[in-house]
N, C-alpha and C. Protein backbone atom coordinates (compact mmCIF):
# COMPACT_ATOMS: atom_id res chain seq x y z
N MET A 1 0.98 -1.42 -0.25
CA MET A 1 -0.33 -0.04 -0.10
C MET A 1 0.81 1.27 -0.10
N SER A 2 0.45 2.18 -0.82
CA SER A 2 1.10 3.52 -0.91
C SER A 2 0.35 4.74 -0.39
N VAL A 3 0.85 5.38 0.15
CA VAL A 3 0.41 6.95 0.79
C VAL A 3 0.76 7.88 -0.02
N ASN A 4 0.11 8.64 -0.38
CA ASN A 4 0.70 9.87 -1.22
C ASN A 4 0.28 11.18 -0.52
N SER A 5 1.06 12.41 -0.68
CA SER A 5 0.58 13.68 -0.14
C SER A 5 0.04 14.57 -1.61
N TYR A 6 -0.72 15.53 -1.37
CA TYR A 6 -1.25 16.19 -2.48
C TYR A 6 -1.37 17.63 -2.00
N LEU A 7 -1.11 18.81 -2.66
CA LEU A 7 -1.02 20.54 -2.27
C LEU A 7 -2.13 20.81 -3.02
N ASP A 8 -3.38 21.40 -2.04
CA ASP A 8 -4.43 21.58 -2.36
C ASP A 8 -4.37 23.58 -2.47
N VAL A 9 -4.84 23.97 -3.61
CA VAL A 9 -4.23 25.18 -3.88
C VAL A 9 -5.35 26.18 -4.83
N SER A 10 -5.82 26.94 -4.33
CA SER A 10 -6.35 27.90 -4.85
C SER A 10 -6.13 28.12 -6.68
N THR A 11 -7.14 27.90 -7.41
CA THR A 11 -6.93 28.66 -8.96
C THR A 11 -6.38 29.89 -8.86
N GLY A 12 -6.50 30.84 -8.01
CA GLY A 12 -5.84 32.18 -8.07
C GLY A 12 -4.20 32.43 -7.70
N HIS A 13 -3.84 31.01 -7.91
CA HIS A 13 -2.47 30.92 -8.27
C HIS A 13 -1.89 30.31 -9.06
N MET A 14 -2.63 30.50 -10.25
CA MET A 14 -2.46 30.44 -11.73
C MET A 14 -3.10 31.45 -12.43
N ARG A 15 -2.45 31.75 -13.43
CA ARG A 15 -2.93 33.09 -14.30
C ARG A 15 -4.01 32.27 -15.25
N TYR A 16 -4.64 33.42 -16.22
CA TYR A 16 -5.72 32.59 -16.79
C TYR A 16 -4.89 31.89 -17.89
N GLN A 17 -3.84 32.28 -18.63
CA GLN A 17 -3.10 31.48 -19.55
C GLN A 17 -2.85 30.26 -19.20
N ASP A 18 -2.31 30.03 -17.86
CA ASP A 18 -2.37 28.59 -17.00
C ASP A 18 -3.43 27.66 -17.61
N SER A 19 -4.59 28.27 -17.11
CA SER A 19 -5.78 27.48 -17.09
C SER A 19 -5.97 27.16 -18.54
N ILE A 20 -5.74 28.20 -19.36
CA ILE A 20 -5.86 27.64 -20.88
C ILE A 20 -4.94 26.59 -21.34
N LEU A 21 -3.79 26.64 -20.80
CA LEU A 21 -2.72 25.68 -21.14
C LEU A 21 -3.23 24.52 -20.19
N SER A 22 -3.54 24.02 -19.05
CA SER A 22 -4.40 23.26 -18.21
C SER A 22 -5.16 22.46 -19.09
N GLU A 23 -6.19 23.10 -19.39
CA GLU A 23 -7.25 22.77 -20.33
C GLU A 23 -6.97 21.86 -21.58
N LEU A 24 -5.84 22.56 -22.22
CA LEU A 24 -5.29 21.94 -23.34
C LEU A 24 -4.59 20.77 -22.98
N PHE A 25 -4.05 20.56 -22.19
CA PHE A 25 -3.35 19.24 -21.68
C PHE A 25 -4.20 18.29 -21.09
N ALA A 26 -5.30 18.66 -20.41
CA ALA A 26 -6.41 17.88 -19.54
C ALA A 26 -6.45 16.61 -20.13
N ASP A 27 -6.46 15.67 -19.59
CA ASP A 27 -6.56 14.23 -20.24
C ASP A 27 -5.87 13.96 -21.51
N ALA A 28 -5.01 14.44 -21.97
CA ALA A 28 -4.16 14.56 -23.12
C ALA A 28 -3.33 13.10 -22.65
N ASP A 29 -2.46 12.56 -23.63
CA ASP A 29 -2.06 11.36 -23.70
C ASP A 29 -0.27 11.76 -22.97
N ALA A 30 -0.08 12.55 -21.68
CA ALA A 30 1.13 12.72 -21.32
C ALA A 30 1.75 11.67 -20.89
N ASP A 31 2.99 11.78 -20.84
CA ASP A 31 4.01 10.47 -20.73
C ASP A 31 5.24 11.21 -19.63
N ALA A 32 4.98 11.67 -18.10
CA ALA A 32 5.54 12.25 -17.52
C ALA A 32 6.94 11.55 -17.26
N ASP A 33 7.19 10.27 -17.63
CA ASP A 33 8.68 9.63 -17.67
C ASP A 33 9.38 9.62 -18.66
N GLY A 34 8.85 10.28 -19.70
CA GLY A 34 9.55 10.67 -20.61
C GLY A 34 9.91 9.84 -21.88
N LYS A 35 9.25 8.65 -21.84
CA LYS A 35 9.54 7.60 -22.90
C LYS A 35 8.92 8.20 -23.93
N ASN A 36 7.93 8.91 -24.22
CA ASN A 36 7.47 9.53 -25.53
C ASN A 36 7.83 10.77 -25.76
N GLY A 37 9.36 11.50 -25.00
CA GLY A 37 10.09 12.47 -25.04
C GLY A 37 9.32 13.57 -24.68
N SER A 38 8.70 13.40 -23.70
CA SER A 38 7.60 14.60 -22.72
C SER A 38 7.79 14.47 -21.45
N PHE A 39 7.91 15.42 -20.48
CA PHE A 39 8.35 15.10 -19.11
C PHE A 39 6.83 15.90 -18.86
N LEU A 40 6.17 16.03 -19.59
CA LEU A 40 4.94 16.85 -19.11
C LEU A 40 4.30 16.43 -18.04
N PRO A 41 3.64 16.84 -16.89
CA PRO A 41 2.81 16.09 -16.02
C PRO A 41 1.50 15.74 -17.08
N ARG A 42 0.70 14.77 -16.04
CA ARG A 42 -0.47 14.44 -16.65
C ARG A 42 -1.69 15.75 -15.51
N PHE A 43 -2.69 16.13 -16.62
CA PHE A 43 -3.26 17.05 -16.47
C PHE A 43 -4.69 16.17 -16.31
N VAL A 44 -5.75 16.89 -15.64
CA VAL A 44 -7.06 15.83 -15.38
C VAL A 44 -7.68 17.36 -15.03
N LYS A 45 -8.65 17.74 -15.94
CA LYS A 45 -9.69 18.73 -15.58
C LYS A 45 -11.01 18.46 -14.53
N HIS A 46 -11.38 18.97 -13.27
CA HIS A 46 -12.38 18.78 -12.49
C HIS A 46 -13.18 19.76 -12.70
N VAL A 47 -14.77 19.60 -11.95
CA VAL A 47 -15.40 20.86 -12.11
C VAL A 47 -14.93 22.22 -11.88
N TYR A 48 -14.00 22.13 -10.84
CA TYR A 48 -13.68 23.65 -10.20
C TYR A 48 -12.18 23.51 -10.55
N GLY A 49 -11.67 22.80 -11.31
CA GLY A 49 -9.90 23.55 -11.70
C GLY A 49 -9.39 21.92 -12.24
N TYR A 50 -8.28 21.72 -11.88
CA TYR A 50 -7.74 21.13 -12.50
C TYR A 50 -6.74 19.88 -11.32
N VAL A 51 -6.03 18.80 -11.74
CA VAL A 51 -5.30 17.96 -10.97
C VAL A 51 -4.36 17.69 -11.86
N ILE A 52 -2.93 17.98 -10.95
CA ILE A 52 -1.80 17.58 -11.93
C ILE A 52 -0.82 16.51 -11.29
N PHE A 53 -0.53 15.64 -11.92
CA PHE A 53 -0.02 14.48 -11.46
C PHE A 53 1.66 14.73 -11.51
N LEU A 54 2.10 14.84 -10.44
CA LEU A 54 3.80 14.80 -10.43
C LEU A 54 4.50 13.50 -10.85
N SER A 55 5.37 13.29 -11.32
CA SER A 55 6.25 12.00 -11.24
C SER A 55 7.56 12.18 -10.75
N GLU A 56 7.39 10.89 -10.04
CA GLU A 56 8.82 10.83 -8.88
C GLU A 56 9.98 10.89 -9.81
N GLY A 57 11.04 11.44 -9.47
CA GLY A 57 12.52 11.58 -9.88
C GLY A 57 12.55 12.35 -11.01
N HIS A 58 11.69 12.84 -11.52
CA HIS A 58 11.69 13.87 -13.19
C HIS A 58 11.45 15.40 -12.60
N HIS A 59 11.77 15.69 -11.42
CA HIS A 59 11.02 17.20 -11.30
C HIS A 59 11.78 17.77 -12.15
N GLU A 60 12.88 18.29 -12.12
CA GLU A 60 13.34 18.99 -13.02
C GLU A 60 13.15 19.16 -14.57
N GLU A 61 13.25 17.86 -15.17
CA GLU A 61 12.79 17.74 -16.47
C GLU A 61 11.02 18.36 -16.33
N GLN A 62 10.33 17.95 -15.59
CA GLN A 62 8.94 18.68 -15.35
C GLN A 62 8.71 20.18 -15.51
N ILE A 63 9.30 20.66 -14.71
CA ILE A 63 9.32 22.16 -14.84
C ILE A 63 10.15 22.56 -15.88
N GLU A 64 11.27 22.17 -16.48
CA GLU A 64 11.49 22.50 -17.57
C GLU A 64 10.34 22.09 -18.93
N ALA A 65 9.79 21.39 -18.69
CA ALA A 65 8.83 20.99 -19.60
C ALA A 65 7.50 22.06 -19.55
N LEU A 66 7.31 22.35 -18.22
CA LEU A 66 5.89 23.35 -18.05
C LEU A 66 6.31 24.62 -18.46
N LYS A 67 7.75 25.05 -18.17
CA LYS A 67 8.28 26.04 -18.69
C LYS A 67 8.52 26.27 -20.26
N GLN A 68 8.70 25.38 -20.72
CA GLN A 68 8.51 25.24 -22.39
C GLN A 68 7.36 25.23 -22.91
N ALA A 69 6.30 24.60 -22.55
CA ALA A 69 5.03 25.11 -22.74
C ALA A 69 4.41 26.16 -22.43
N GLY A 70 5.08 27.26 -21.90
CA GLY A 70 4.41 28.47 -21.74
C GLY A 70 3.83 28.61 -20.35
N PHE A 71 3.85 27.77 -19.42
CA PHE A 71 3.20 28.44 -17.99
C PHE A 71 4.12 29.29 -17.26
N SER A 72 2.95 29.75 -16.54
CA SER A 72 3.90 31.15 -15.76
C SER A 72 4.85 30.77 -14.65
N LYS A 73 5.36 31.74 -14.33
CA LYS A 73 6.58 31.74 -13.31
C LYS A 73 5.42 31.18 -12.16
N MET A 74 4.13 32.13 -11.97
CA MET A 74 3.36 31.81 -10.90
C MET A 74 2.90 30.52 -10.52
N PHE A 75 2.76 29.71 -11.71
CA PHE A 75 2.41 28.34 -11.81
C PHE A 75 3.31 27.43 -11.39
N LEU A 76 4.53 27.80 -11.65
CA LEU A 76 5.78 27.17 -11.81
C LEU A 76 6.27 27.23 -10.40
N SER A 77 6.03 28.15 -9.49
CA SER A 77 6.29 28.38 -8.17
C SER A 77 5.50 27.39 -7.11
N VAL A 78 4.14 27.19 -7.87
CA VAL A 78 3.25 26.08 -7.20
C VAL A 78 3.74 25.00 -7.39
N VAL A 79 3.92 24.49 -8.46
CA VAL A 79 4.96 23.31 -8.55
C VAL A 79 6.04 22.89 -7.96
N LYS A 80 7.20 23.92 -7.71
CA LYS A 80 8.12 23.81 -7.05
C LYS A 80 7.78 23.77 -5.60
N LEU A 81 6.92 24.11 -5.27
CA LEU A 81 6.25 24.11 -3.65
C LEU A 81 5.74 22.84 -3.42
N ALA A 82 5.13 21.99 -4.44
CA ALA A 82 4.24 20.74 -4.34
C ALA A 82 5.37 19.95 -4.02
N ILE A 83 6.49 19.85 -5.14
CA ILE A 83 7.60 19.15 -5.21
C ILE A 83 8.60 19.25 -3.70
N SER A 84 8.44 20.62 -3.15
CA SER A 84 9.45 20.67 -1.86
C SER A 84 9.03 20.33 -0.51
N LYS A 85 7.50 19.81 -0.82
CA LYS A 85 6.78 19.27 0.35
C LYS A 85 6.58 17.54 -0.12
N SER A 86 7.14 17.16 -1.43
CA SER A 86 7.12 15.76 -1.46
C SER A 86 5.57 15.48 -1.91
N CYS A 87 4.87 16.16 -2.61
CA CYS A 87 3.67 16.01 -3.26
C CYS A 87 3.53 15.13 -4.38
N PHE A 88 2.48 14.29 -4.53
CA PHE A 88 2.37 13.48 -6.08
C PHE A 88 1.42 14.12 -6.70
N LEU A 89 0.39 15.14 -6.10
CA LEU A 89 -0.82 15.80 -7.07
C LEU A 89 -0.60 17.30 -6.37
N ILE A 90 -1.25 18.14 -7.44
CA ILE A 90 -1.50 19.42 -7.49
C ILE A 90 -2.94 19.41 -7.58
N ILE A 91 -3.92 20.02 -6.86
CA ILE A 91 -5.13 20.24 -7.13
C ILE A 91 -5.16 21.30 -6.96
N PHE A 92 -5.66 22.04 -8.15
CA PHE A 92 -5.95 23.72 -8.25
C PHE A 92 -7.59 23.31 -7.94
N ASP A 93 -7.93 24.38 -7.31
CA ASP A 93 -9.56 24.22 -7.09
C ASP A 93 -9.70 25.73 -6.67
N ARG A 94 -10.97 26.03 -7.20
CA ARG A 94 -11.44 27.39 -6.89
C ARG A 94 -11.55 27.91 -5.23
N ASP A 95 -11.99 26.76 -4.36
CA ASP A 95 -11.94 26.90 -3.00
C ASP A 95 -10.60 26.51 -2.52
N GLY A 96 -9.82 26.03 -3.26
CA GLY A 96 -8.37 25.76 -2.60
C GLY A 96 -7.81 26.54 -1.62
N TYR A 97 -6.73 26.18 -1.05
CA TYR A 97 -5.86 27.04 -0.05
C TYR A 97 -5.05 28.00 -0.62
N MET A 98 -5.26 29.33 -0.15
CA MET A 98 -4.67 30.47 -0.72
C MET A 98 -3.28 30.54 0.18
N PHE A 99 -2.43 30.34 -0.72
CA PHE A 99 -0.93 30.53 0.51
C PHE A 99 -0.02 31.70 0.41
N LYS A 100 0.09 32.57 1.40
CA LYS A 100 0.32 34.03 1.66
C LYS A 100 1.76 34.34 0.63
N GLU A 101 2.60 33.47 0.63
CA GLU A 101 3.86 33.53 0.15
C GLU A 101 3.85 33.12 -1.16
N LEU A 102 2.67 33.11 -1.82
CA LEU A 102 2.66 32.83 -3.28
C LEU A 102 1.81 34.10 -3.71
N ALA A 103 2.00 34.27 -5.49
CA ALA A 103 1.42 35.53 -5.76
C ALA A 103 0.11 35.00 -6.06
N PHE A 104 -0.74 35.73 -6.47
CA PHE A 104 -2.32 35.70 -6.59
C PHE A 104 -2.87 36.65 -7.85
N SER A 105 -3.61 35.99 -8.08
CA SER A 105 -4.24 36.66 -9.86
C SER A 105 -5.61 36.45 -9.93
N ASN A 106 -6.34 37.43 -9.65
CA ASN A 106 -7.83 37.20 -9.97
C ASN A 106 -7.87 37.56 -11.27
N TRP A 107 -8.47 36.20 -11.95
CA TRP A 107 -8.65 36.50 -13.48
C TRP A 107 -10.46 35.66 -13.31
């Protein structure tokens, strides 16, 4: 049995462009381990936001892939926070937690 942590975070910690990109990547055939040449995490849309699946052991590659895909520094700071807390998932939700140390955007 495996127990994993997740980061519950407000969608206010992403920019509008990040939501558009998340929508594009949601349920796409992401291959976070790089077998298909991509380290983009898997994105899944839910009613009030997105779930991002981080791949253990490929954090730097995932950050670089997200940067190359056009995600904002704001979005990347959330990913880095999740990684620093050893989280397997990031759940962006409109009612998610608002972190004082992270930038916030009202889009």
